[in-house]
Amino acid sequence: MQLFDVPSEADLNRDNILEKIGVLRLKKLDLIIREAVQSFIDDYGDQMFWLSSRTIASHIHDNMHKCCKKLLSIEDKMRLVTQNNTFKLILDDVNLVLQFKKFNKKS
């Protein structure tokens, strides 16, 4: 069973996707990413220079998930779905899913 239509070439066009997401949601996503990175920097400060790229990415992924829970509202028209080491932001009104996968040993 397929939940979403297979995207066409036009749907995959960068400008079309940005238009579908919309400026307000892009600003919210920007805020989530900035807060997640800043939270990591605040927590780890000078230690971050000794951490691997994978560890840094893992912490930022976790922080992004927390920020989504904290900052998303009904008005954003984005649903947060968590599954294993992945979380997805579902934009129902434009039939789009943004997936954020956490690194694991296989990826």
PDB file of N, CA and C in Angstrom:
ATOM      1  N   MET A   1       0.842  -1.185   0.000  1.00  0.00           N
ATOM      2  CA  MET A   1       0.000   0.000   0.000  1.00  0.00           C
ATOM      3  C   MET A   1       0.882   1.241   0.000  1.00  0.00           C
ATOM      4  N   GLN A   2       0.604   2.148  -0.873  1.00  0.00           N
ATOM      5  CA  GLN A   2       1.399   3.366  -0.996  1.00  0.00           C
ATOM      6  C   GLN A   2       0.615   4.537  -0.430  1.00  0.00           C
ATOM      7  N   LEU A   3       1.245   5.248   0.518  1.00  0.00           N
ATOM      8  CA  LEU A   3       0.567   6.362   1.171  1.00  0.00           C
ATOM      9  C   LEU A   3       0.560   7.627   0.323  1.00  0.00           C
ATOM     10  N   PHE A   4       1.592   7.792  -0.488  1.00  0.00           N
ATOM     11  CA  PHE A   4       1.723   9.010  -1.277  1.00  0.00           C
ATOM     12  C   PHE A   4       1.966   8.665  -2.732  1.00  0.00           C
ATOM     13  N   ASP A   5       1.582   9.560  -3.615  1.00  0.00           N
ATOM     14  CA  ASP A   5       1.840   9.387  -5.042  1.00  0.00           C
ATOM     15  C   ASP A   5       3.332   9.475  -5.309  1.00  0.00           C
ATOM     16  N   VAL A   6       3.791   8.758  -6.313  1.00  0.00           N
ATOM     17  CA  VAL A   6       5.182   8.861  -6.728  1.00  0.00           C
ATOM     18  C   VAL A   6       5.375  10.232  -7.359  1.00  0.00           C
ATOM     19  N   PRO A   7       6.390  10.987  -6.904  1.00  0.00           N
ATOM     20  CA  PRO A   7       6.566  12.343  -7.442  1.00  0.00           C
ATOM     21  C   PRO A   7       7.010  12.348  -8.895  1.00  0.00           C
ATOM     22  N   SER A   8       6.540  13.327  -9.631  1.00  0.00           N
ATOM     23  CA  SER A   8       6.961  13.497 -11.018  1.00  0.00           C
ATOM     24  C   SER A   8       8.247  14.312 -11.048  1.00  0.00           C
ATOM     25  N   GLU A   9       8.854  14.441 -12.229  1.00  0.00           N
ATOM     26  CA  GLU A   9      10.063  15.272 -12.371  1.00  0.00           C
ATOM     27  C   GLU A   9       9.792  16.707 -11.915  1.00  0.00           C
ATOM     28  N   ALA A  10       8.615  17.230 -12.257  1.00  0.00           N
ATOM     29  CA  ALA A  10       8.267  18.600 -11.869  1.00  0.00           C
ATOM     30  C   ALA A  10       8.181  18.726 -10.350  1.00  0.00           C
ATOM     31  N   ASP A  11       7.681  17.677  -9.690  1.00  0.00           N
ATOM     32  CA  ASP A  11       7.580  17.703  -8.233  1.00  0.00           C
ATOM     33  C   ASP A  11       8.951  17.720  -7.575  1.00  0.00           C
ATOM     34  N   LEU A  12       9.918  17.118  -8.239  1.00  0.00           N
ATOM     35  CA  LEU A  12      11.261  17.043  -7.666  1.00  0.00           C
ATOM     36  C   LEU A  12      12.095  18.284  -7.954  1.00  0.00           C
ATOM     37  N   ASN A  13      11.589  19.180  -8.758  1.00  0.00           N
ATOM     38  CA  ASN A  13      12.272  20.435  -9.058  1.00  0.00           C
ATOM     39  C   ASN A  13      12.446  21.216  -7.761  1.00  0.00           C
ATOM     40  N   ARG A  14      13.648  21.690  -7.497  1.00  0.00           N
ATOM     41  CA  ARG A  14      13.977  22.377  -6.250  1.00  0.00           C
ATOM     42  C   ARG A  14      13.041  23.552  -5.976  1.00  0.00           C
ATOM     43  N   ASP A  15      12.808  24.379  -6.964  1.00  0.00           N
ATOM     44  CA  ASP A  15      11.960  25.554  -6.776  1.00  0.00           C
ATOM     45  C   ASP A  15      10.527  25.153  -6.450  1.00  0.00           C
ATOM     46  N   ASN A  16      10.065  24.098  -7.097  1.00  0.00           N
ATOM     47  CA  ASN A  16       8.706  23.628  -6.852  1.00  0.00           C
ATOM     48  C   ASN A  16       8.565  23.120  -5.415  1.00  0.00           C
ATOM     49  N   ILE A  17       9.559  22.393  -4.916  1.00  0.00           N
ATOM     50  CA  ILE A  17       9.508  21.882  -3.544  1.00  0.00           C
ATOM     51  C   ILE A  17       9.529  23.038  -2.553  1.00  0.00           C
ATOM     52  N   LEU A  18      10.398  24.021  -2.782  1.00  0.00           N
ATOM     53  CA  LEU A  18      10.452  25.175  -1.881  1.00  0.00           C
ATOM     54  C   LEU A  18       9.126  25.923  -1.887  1.00  0.00           C
ATOM     55  N   GLU A  19       8.518  26.009  -3.052  1.00  0.00           N
ATOM     56  CA  GLU A  19       7.216  26.672  -3.156  1.00  0.00           C
ATOM     57  C   GLU A  19       6.151  25.876  -2.403  1.00  0.00           C
ATOM     58  N   LYS A  20       6.205  24.552  -2.525  1.00  0.00           N
ATOM     59  CA  LYS A  20       5.236  23.702  -1.833  1.00  0.00           C
ATOM     60  C   LYS A  20       5.374  23.830  -0.312  1.00  0.00           C
ATOM     61  N   ILE A  21       6.599  23.824   0.172  1.00  0.00           N
ATOM     62  CA  ILE A  21       6.821  23.917   1.619  1.00  0.00           C
ATOM     63  C   ILE A  21       6.352  25.269   2.130  1.00  0.00           C
ATOM     64  N   GLY A  22       6.673  26.326   1.428  1.00  0.00           N
ATOM     65  CA  GLY A  22       6.235  27.661   1.808  1.00  0.00           C
ATOM     66  C   GLY A  22       7.218  28.380   2.711  1.00  0.00           C
ATOM     67  N   VAL A  23       7.206  29.689   2.631  1.00  0.00           N
ATOM     68  CA  VAL A  23       8.151  30.536   3.364  1.00  0.00           C
ATOM     69  C   VAL A  23       7.999  30.385   4.876  1.00  0.00           C
ATOM     70  N   LEU A  24       6.777  30.383   5.378  1.00  0.00           N
ATOM     71  CA  LEU A  24       6.574  30.295   6.826  1.00  0.00           C
ATOM     72  C   LEU A  24       7.110  28.986   7.394  1.00  0.00           C
ATOM     73  N   ARG A  25       6.859  27.892   6.695  1.00  0.00           N
ATOM     74  CA  ARG A  25       7.368  26.601   7.182  1.00  0.00           C
ATOM     75  C   ARG A  25       8.883  26.531   7.039  1.00  0.00           C
ATOM     76  N   LEU A  26       9.436  27.107   5.978  1.00  0.00           N
ATOM     77  CA  LEU A  26      10.897  27.133   5.837  1.00  0.00           C
ATOM     78  C   LEU A  26      11.536  27.924   6.972  1.00  0.00           C
ATOM     79  N   LYS A  27      10.912  29.019   7.354  1.00  0.00           N
ATOM     80  CA  LYS A  27      11.429  29.802   8.483  1.00  0.00           C
ATOM     81  C   LYS A  27      11.365  28.993   9.770  1.00  0.00           C
ATOM     82  N   LYS A  28      10.291  28.228   9.959  1.00  0.00           N
ATOM     83  CA  LYS A  28      10.168  27.395  11.155  1.00  0.00           C
ATOM     84  C   LYS A  28      11.220  26.290  11.152  1.00  0.00           C
ATOM     85  N   LEU A  29      11.458  25.677   9.988  1.00  0.00           N
ATOM     86  CA  LEU A  29      12.487  24.648   9.880  1.00  0.00           C
ATOM     87  C   LEU A  29      13.872  25.236  10.141  1.00  0.00           C
ATOM     88  N   ASP A  30      14.111  26.426   9.648  1.00  0.00           N
ATOM     89  CA  ASP A  30      15.371  27.125   9.899  1.00  0.00           C
ATOM     90  C   ASP A  30      15.555  27.353  11.397  1.00  0.00           C
ATOM     91  N   LEU A  31      14.505  27.795  12.063  1.00  0.00           N
ATOM     92  CA  LEU A  31      14.561  28.021  13.518  1.00  0.00           C
ATOM     93  C   LEU A  31      14.853  26.719  14.261  1.00  0.00           C
ATOM     94  N   ILE A  32      14.208  25.627  13.853  1.00  0.00           N
ATOM     95  CA  ILE A  32      14.429  24.329  14.488  1.00  0.00           C
ATOM     96  C   ILE A  32      15.882  23.893  14.329  1.00  0.00           C
ATOM     97  N   ILE A  33      16.417  24.008  13.125  1.00  0.00           N
ATOM     98  CA  ILE A  33      17.802  23.600  12.872  1.00  0.00           C
ATOM     99  C   ILE A  33      18.776  24.474  13.655  1.00  0.00           C
ATOM    100  N   ARG A  34      18.558  25.783  13.626  1.00  0.00           N
ATOM    101  CA  ARG A  34      19.456  26.690  14.358  1.00  0.00           C
ATOM    102  C   ARG A  34      19.440  26.405  15.854  1.00  0.00           C
ATOM    103  N   GLU A  35      18.250  26.202  16.398  1.00  0.00           N
ATOM    104  CA  GLU A  35      18.148  25.933  17.831  1.00  0.00           C
ATOM    105  C   GLU A  35      18.793  24.593  18.188  1.00  0.00           C
ATOM    106  N   ALA A  36      18.634  23.600  17.326  1.00  0.00           N
ATOM    107  CA  ALA A  36      19.235  22.291  17.568  1.00  0.00           C
ATOM    108  C   ALA A  36      20.762  22.379  17.582  1.00  0.00           C
ATOM    109  N   VAL A  37      21.326  23.095  16.629  1.00  0.00           N
ATOM    110  CA  VAL A  37      22.781  23.250  16.560  1.00  0.00           C
ATOM    111  C   VAL A  37      23.281  24.079  17.749  1.00  0.00           C
ATOM    112  N   GLN A  38      22.580  25.164  18.063  1.00  0.00           N
ATOM    113  CA  GLN A  38      23.001  26.006  19.187  1.00  0.00           C
ATOM    114  C   GLN A  38      22.934  25.239  20.504  1.00  0.00           C
ATOM    115  N   SER A  39      21.919  24.420  20.661  1.00  0.00           N
ATOM    116  CA  SER A  39      21.784  23.605  21.861  1.00  0.00           C
ATOM    117  C   SER A  39      22.961  22.638  21.991  1.00  0.00           C
ATOM    118  N   PHE A  40      23.369  22.056  20.864  1.00  0.00           N
ATOM    119  CA  PHE A  40      24.534  21.170  20.872  1.00  0.00           C
ATOM    120  C   PHE A  40      25.784  21.937  21.284  1.00  0.00           C
ATOM    121  N   ILE A  41      25.979  23.112  20.708  1.00  0.00           N
ATOM    122  CA  ILE A  41      27.159  23.927  21.031  1.00  0.00           C
ATOM    123  C   ILE A  41      27.143  24.319  22.507  1.00  0.00           C
ATOM    124  N   ASP A  42      25.970  24.705  23.012  1.00  0.00           N
ATOM    125  CA  ASP A  42      25.851  25.073  24.421  1.00  0.00           C
ATOM    126  C   ASP A  42      26.177  23.895  25.340  1.00  0.00           C
ATOM    127  N   ASP A  43      25.740  22.705  24.967  1.00  0.00           N
ATOM    128  CA  ASP A  43      25.944  21.517  25.803  1.00  0.00           C
ATOM    129  C   ASP A  43      27.372  20.993  25.752  1.00  0.00           C
ATOM    130  N   TYR A  44      28.009  21.080  24.585  1.00  0.00           N
ATOM    131  CA  TYR A  44      29.309  20.433  24.419  1.00  0.00           C
ATOM    132  C   TYR A  44      30.486  21.391  24.267  1.00  0.00           C
ATOM    133  N   GLY A  45      30.220  22.655  23.941  1.00  0.00           N
ATOM    134  CA  GLY A  45      31.274  23.662  23.886  1.00  0.00           C
ATOM    135  C   GLY A  45      32.569  23.169  23.271  1.00  0.00           C
ATOM    136  N   ASP A  46      33.643  23.260  24.048  1.00  0.00           N
ATOM    137  CA  ASP A  46      34.970  22.881  23.551  1.00  0.00           C
ATOM    138  C   ASP A  46      35.121  21.386  23.304  1.00  0.00           C
ATOM    139  N   GLN A  47      34.288  20.574  23.925  1.00  0.00           N
ATOM    140  CA  GLN A  47      34.376  19.118  23.749  1.00  0.00           C
ATOM    141  C   GLN A  47      34.065  18.695  22.317  1.00  0.00           C
ATOM    142  N   MET A  48      33.312  19.515  21.596  1.00  0.00           N
ATOM    143  CA  MET A  48      32.869  19.091  20.273  1.00  0.00           C
ATOM    144  C   MET A  48      34.022  18.857  19.308  1.00  0.00           C
ATOM    145  N   PHE A  49      35.174  19.452  19.582  1.00  0.00           N
ATOM    146  CA  PHE A  49      36.322  19.259  18.697  1.00  0.00           C
ATOM    147  C   PHE A  49      36.905  17.853  18.823  1.00  0.00           C
ATOM    148  N   TRP A  50      36.549  17.143  19.888  1.00  0.00           N
ATOM    149  CA  TRP A  50      37.054  15.799  20.119  1.00  0.00           C
ATOM    150  C   TRP A  50      36.032  14.732  19.709  1.00  0.00           C
ATOM    151  N   LEU A  51      34.858  15.155  19.278  1.00  0.00           N
ATOM    152  CA  LEU A  51      33.804  14.214  18.905  1.00  0.00           C
ATOM    153  C   LEU A  51      33.858  13.896  17.415  1.00  0.00           C
ATOM    154  N   SER A  52      33.427  12.699  17.077  1.00  0.00           N
ATOM    155  CA  SER A  52      33.387  12.309  15.660  1.00  0.00           C
ATOM    156  C   SER A  52      32.221  13.009  14.969  1.00  0.00           C
ATOM    157  N   SER A  53      32.290  13.067  13.653  1.00  0.00           N
ATOM    158  CA  SER A  53      31.203  13.669  12.870  1.00  0.00           C
ATOM    159  C   SER A  53      29.887  12.946  13.121  1.00  0.00           C
ATOM    160  N   ARG A  54      29.949  11.634  13.243  1.00  0.00           N
ATOM    161  CA  ARG A  54      28.754  10.830  13.476  1.00  0.00           C
ATOM    162  C   ARG A  54      28.131  11.181  14.831  1.00  0.00           C
ATOM    163  N   THR A  55      28.956  11.352  15.855  1.00  0.00           N
ATOM    164  CA  THR A  55      28.449  11.700  17.188  1.00  0.00           C
ATOM    165  C   THR A  55      27.804  13.078  17.168  1.00  0.00           C
ATOM    166  N   ILE A  56      28.435  14.014  16.516  1.00  0.00           N
ATOM    167  CA  ILE A  56      27.873  15.364  16.410  1.00  0.00           C
ATOM    168  C   ILE A  56      26.537  15.312  15.684  1.00  0.00           C
ATOM    169  N   ALA A  57      26.492  14.601  14.555  1.00  0.00           N
ATOM    170  CA  ALA A  57      25.249  14.486  13.788  1.00  0.00           C
ATOM    171  C   ALA A  57      24.155  13.824  14.620  1.00  0.00           C
ATOM    172  N   SER A  58      24.517  12.835  15.399  1.00  0.00           N
ATOM    173  CA  SER A  58      23.548  12.135  16.243  1.00  0.00           C
ATOM    174  C   SER A  58      22.952  13.069  17.292  1.00  0.00           C
ATOM    175  N   HIS A  59      23.799  13.856  17.941  1.00  0.00           N
ATOM    176  CA  HIS A  59      23.315  14.811  18.945  1.00  0.00           C
ATOM    177  C   HIS A  59      22.421  15.880  18.320  1.00  0.00           C
ATOM    178  N   ILE A  60      22.820  16.376  17.170  1.00  0.00           N
ATOM    179  CA  ILE A  60      22.015  17.404  16.501  1.00  0.00           C
ATOM    180  C   ILE A  60      20.680  16.814  16.042  1.00  0.00           C
ATOM    181  N   HIS A  61      20.692  15.592  15.559  1.00  0.00           N
ATOM    182  CA  HIS A  61      19.443  14.914  15.180  1.00  0.00           C
ATOM    183  C   HIS A  61      18.498  14.839  16.384  1.00  0.00           C
ATOM    184  N   ASP A  62      19.027  14.399  17.526  1.00  0.00           N
ATOM    185  CA  ASP A  62      18.202  14.309  18.739  1.00  0.00           C
ATOM    186  C   ASP A  62      17.683  15.682  19.154  1.00  0.00           C
ATOM    187  N   ASN A  63      18.537  16.688  19.058  1.00  0.00           N
ATOM    188  CA  ASN A  63      18.115  18.051  19.408  1.00  0.00           C
ATOM    189  C   ASN A  63      17.039  18.558  18.453  1.00  0.00           C
ATOM    190  N   MET A  64      17.166  18.222  17.166  1.00  0.00           N
ATOM    191  CA  MET A  64      16.149  18.644  16.194  1.00  0.00           C
ATOM    192  C   MET A  64      14.802  18.013  16.535  1.00  0.00           C
ATOM    193  N   HIS A  65      14.828  16.765  16.936  1.00  0.00           N
ATOM    194  CA  HIS A  65      13.595  16.073  17.303  1.00  0.00           C
ATOM    195  C   HIS A  65      12.944  16.779  18.504  1.00  0.00           C
ATOM    196  N   LYS A  66      13.750  17.110  19.500  1.00  0.00           N
ATOM    197  CA  LYS A  66      13.233  17.824  20.681  1.00  0.00           C
ATOM    198  C   LYS A  66      12.685  19.195  20.289  1.00  0.00           C
ATOM    199  N   CYS A  67      13.402  19.895  19.430  1.00  0.00           N
ATOM    200  CA  CYS A  67      12.960  21.227  18.991  1.00  0.00           C
ATOM    201  C   CYS A  67      11.651  21.135  18.214  1.00  0.00           C
ATOM    202  N   CYS A  68      11.506  20.111  17.404  1.00  0.00           N
ATOM    203  CA  CYS A  68      10.246  19.928  16.666  1.00  0.00           C
ATOM    204  C   CYS A  68       9.093  19.761  17.644  1.00  0.00           C
ATOM    205  N   LYS A  69       9.304  18.929  18.652  1.00  0.00           N
ATOM    206  CA  LYS A  69       8.254  18.718  19.653  1.00  0.00           C
ATOM    207  C   LYS A  69       7.896  20.025  20.353  1.00  0.00           C
ATOM    208  N   LYS A  70       8.914  20.815  20.617  1.00  0.00           N
ATOM    209  CA  LYS A  70       8.720  22.057  21.376  1.00  0.00           C
ATOM    210  C   LYS A  70       8.153  23.186  20.520  1.00  0.00           C
ATOM    211  N   LEU A  71       8.606  23.306  19.278  1.00  0.00           N
ATOM    212  CA  LEU A  71       8.300  24.491  18.479  1.00  0.00           C
ATOM    213  C   LEU A  71       7.153  24.336  17.486  1.00  0.00           C
ATOM    214  N   LEU A  72       6.820  23.108  17.104  1.00  0.00           N
ATOM    215  CA  LEU A  72       5.763  22.944  16.117  1.00  0.00           C
ATOM    216  C   LEU A  72       4.391  23.170  16.742  1.00  0.00           C
ATOM    217  N   SER A  73       3.533  23.819  15.972  1.00  0.00           N
ATOM    218  CA  SER A  73       2.162  24.050  16.419  1.00  0.00           C
ATOM    219  C   SER A  73       1.203  23.643  15.297  1.00  0.00           C
ATOM    220  N   ILE A  74      -0.058  23.571  15.609  1.00  0.00           N
ATOM    221  CA  ILE A  74      -1.075  23.193  14.621  1.00  0.00           C
ATOM    222  C   ILE A  74      -1.039  24.132  13.420  1.00  0.00           C
ATOM    223  N   GLU A  75      -0.770  25.406  13.662  1.00  0.00           N
ATOM    224  CA  GLU A  75      -0.749  26.404  12.589  1.00  0.00           C
ATOM    225  C   GLU A  75       0.343  26.126  11.550  1.00  0.00           C
ATOM    226  N   ASP A  76       1.387  25.395  11.943  1.00  0.00           N
ATOM    227  CA  ASP A  76       2.481  25.088  11.014  1.00  0.00           C
ATOM    228  C   ASP A  76       2.085  24.044   9.975  1.00  0.00           C
ATOM    229  N   LYS A  77       1.006  23.334  10.237  1.00  0.00           N
ATOM    230  CA  LYS A  77       0.510  22.287   9.335  1.00  0.00           C
ATOM    231  C   LYS A  77       1.587  21.251   9.043  1.00  0.00           C
ATOM    232  N   MET A  78       2.327  20.875  10.103  1.00  0.00           N
ATOM    233  CA  MET A  78       3.335  19.819  10.009  1.00  0.00           C
ATOM    234  C   MET A  78       3.106  18.849  11.165  1.00  0.00           C
ATOM    235  N   ARG A  79       3.074  17.565  10.833  1.00  0.00           N
ATOM    236  CA  ARG A  79       2.939  16.538  11.863  1.00  0.00           C
ATOM    237  C   ARG A  79       4.277  15.860  12.068  1.00  0.00           C
ATOM    238  N   LEU A  80       4.607  15.595  13.323  1.00  0.00           N
ATOM    239  CA  LEU A  80       5.843  14.904  13.664  1.00  0.00           C
ATOM    240  C   LEU A  80       5.524  13.442  13.922  1.00  0.00           C
ATOM    241  N   VAL A  81       6.213  12.560  13.200  1.00  0.00           N
ATOM    242  CA  VAL A  81       6.047  11.120  13.365  1.00  0.00           C
ATOM    243  C   VAL A  81       7.420  10.534  13.668  1.00  0.00           C
ATOM    244  N   THR A  82       7.496   9.740  14.737  1.00  0.00           N
ATOM    245  CA  THR A  82       8.758   9.129  15.138  1.00  0.00           C
ATOM    246  C   THR A  82       8.691   7.630  14.907  1.00  0.00           C
ATOM    247  N   GLN A  83       9.763   7.092  14.322  1.00  0.00           N
ATOM    248  CA  GLN A  83       9.824   5.661  14.055  1.00  0.00           C
ATOM    249  C   GLN A  83      11.281   5.235  14.106  1.00  0.00           C
ATOM    250  N   ASN A  84      11.622   4.391  15.083  1.00  0.00           N
ATOM    251  CA  ASN A  84      12.998   3.927  15.281  1.00  0.00           C
ATOM    252  C   ASN A  84      13.947   5.120  15.376  1.00  0.00           C
ATOM    253  N   ASN A  85      14.966   5.171  14.535  1.00  0.00           N
ATOM    254  CA  ASN A  85      15.937   6.271  14.563  1.00  0.00           C
ATOM    255  C   ASN A  85      15.630   7.327  13.509  1.00  0.00           C
ATOM    256  N   THR A  86      14.380   7.406  13.126  1.00  0.00           N
ATOM    257  CA  THR A  86      13.955   8.351  12.104  1.00  0.00           C
ATOM    258  C   THR A  86      12.792   9.171  12.628  1.00  0.00           C
ATOM    259  N   PHE A  87      12.784  10.437  12.286  1.00  0.00           N
ATOM    260  CA  PHE A  87      11.554  11.189  12.505  1.00  0.00           C
ATOM    261  C   PHE A  87      11.207  11.886  11.203  1.00  0.00           C
ATOM    262  N   LYS A  88       9.908  12.033  11.017  1.00  0.00           N
ATOM    263  CA  LYS A  88       9.412  12.613   9.776  1.00  0.00           C
ATOM    264  C   LYS A  88       8.520  13.792  10.098  1.00  0.00           C
ATOM    265  N   LEU A  89       8.610  14.795   9.270  1.00  0.00           N
ATOM    266  CA  LEU A  89       7.675  15.904   9.309  1.00  0.00           C
ATOM    267  C   LEU A  89       6.768  15.728   8.102  1.00  0.00           C
ATOM    268  N   ILE A  90       5.499  15.522   8.377  1.00  0.00           N
ATOM    269  CA  ILE A  90       4.535  15.283   7.308  1.00  0.00           C
ATOM    270  C   ILE A  90       3.762  16.566   7.055  1.00  0.00           C
ATOM    271  N   LEU A  91       3.816  17.013   5.823  1.00  0.00           N
ATOM    272  CA  LEU A  91       3.094  18.211   5.397  1.00  0.00           C
ATOM    273  C   LEU A  91       1.900  17.725   4.588  1.00  0.00           C
ATOM    274  N   ASP A  92       0.807  17.445   5.282  1.00  0.00           N
ATOM    275  CA  ASP A  92      -0.362  16.829   4.655  1.00  0.00           C
ATOM    276  C   ASP A  92      -0.948  17.671   3.533  1.00  0.00           C
ATOM    277  N   ASP A  93      -0.979  18.969   3.714  1.00  0.00           N
ATOM    278  CA  ASP A  93      -1.666  19.816   2.733  1.00  0.00           C
ATOM    279  C   ASP A  93      -0.955  19.880   1.390  1.00  0.00           C
ATOM    280  N   VAL A  94       0.324  19.512   1.343  1.00  0.00           N
ATOM    281  CA  VAL A  94       1.063  19.527   0.075  1.00  0.00           C
ATOM    282  C   VAL A  94       1.603  18.142  -0.284  1.00  0.00           C
ATOM    283  N   ASN A  95       1.177  17.115   0.476  1.00  0.00           N
ATOM    284  CA  ASN A  95       1.550  15.738   0.177  1.00  0.00           C
ATOM    285  C   ASN A  95       3.076  15.570   0.122  1.00  0.00           C
ATOM    286  N   LEU A  96       3.754  16.002   1.188  1.00  0.00           N
ATOM    287  CA  LEU A  96       5.209  15.977   1.233  1.00  0.00           C
ATOM    288  C   LEU A  96       5.666  15.467   2.596  1.00  0.00           C
ATOM    289  N   VAL A  97       6.708  14.648   2.595  1.00  0.00           N
ATOM    290  CA  VAL A  97       7.286  14.126   3.829  1.00  0.00           C
ATOM    291  C   VAL A  97       8.763  14.486   3.859  1.00  0.00           C
ATOM    292  N   LEU A  98       9.197  15.109   4.945  1.00  0.00           N
ATOM    293  CA  LEU A  98      10.614  15.393   5.159  1.00  0.00           C
ATOM    294  C   LEU A  98      11.104  14.388   6.194  1.00  0.00           C
ATOM    295  N   GLN A  99      12.079  13.588   5.813  1.00  0.00           N
ATOM    296  CA  GLN A  99      12.558  12.527   6.699  1.00  0.00           C
ATOM    297  C   GLN A  99      13.945  12.870   7.220  1.00  0.00           C
ATOM    298  N   PHE A 100      14.127  12.680   8.526  1.00  0.00           N
ATOM    299  CA  PHE A 100      15.408  12.935   9.181  1.00  0.00           C
ATOM    300  C   PHE A 100      15.862  11.624   9.817  1.00  0.00           C
ATOM    301  N   LYS A 101      16.842  10.989   9.207  1.00  0.00           N
ATOM    302  CA  LYS A 101      17.299   9.680   9.654  1.00  0.00           C
ATOM    303  C   LYS A 101      18.566   9.833  10.480  1.00  0.00           C
ATOM    304  N   LYS A 102      18.590   9.117  11.572  1.00  0.00           N
ATOM    305  CA  LYS A 102      19.772   9.124  12.419  1.00  0.00           C
ATOM    306  C   LYS A 102      20.784   8.124  11.861  1.00  0.00           C
ATOM    307  N   PHE A 103      22.044   8.486  11.921  1.00  0.00           N
ATOM    308  CA  PHE A 103      23.083   7.548  11.465  1.00  0.00           C
ATOM    309  C   PHE A 103      23.050   6.290  12.305  1.00  0.00           C
ATOM    310  N   ASN A 104      23.368   5.174  11.674  1.00  0.00           N
ATOM    311  CA  ASN A 104      23.569   3.921  12.409  1.00  0.00           C
ATOM    312  C   ASN A 104      24.765   3.222  11.784  1.00  0.00           C
ATOM    313  N   LYS A 105      25.086   2.054  12.270  1.00  0.00           N
ATOM    314  CA  LYS A 105      26.275   1.350  11.797  1.00  0.00           C
ATOM    315  C   LYS A 105      26.185   0.954  10.326  1.00  0.00           C
ATOM    316  N   LYS A 106      24.962   0.840   9.805  1.00  0.00           N
ATOM    317  CA  LYS A 106      24.777   0.419   8.422  1.00  0.00           C
ATOM    318  C   LYS A 106      24.727   1.577   7.443  1.00  0.00           C
ATOM    319  N   SER A 107      24.605   2.819   7.937  1.00  0.00           N
ATOM    320  CA  SER A 107      24.484   3.935   6.997  1.00  0.00           C
ATOM    321  C   SER A 107      25.659   4.862   7.073  1.00  0.00           C
TER     322      SER A 107
END
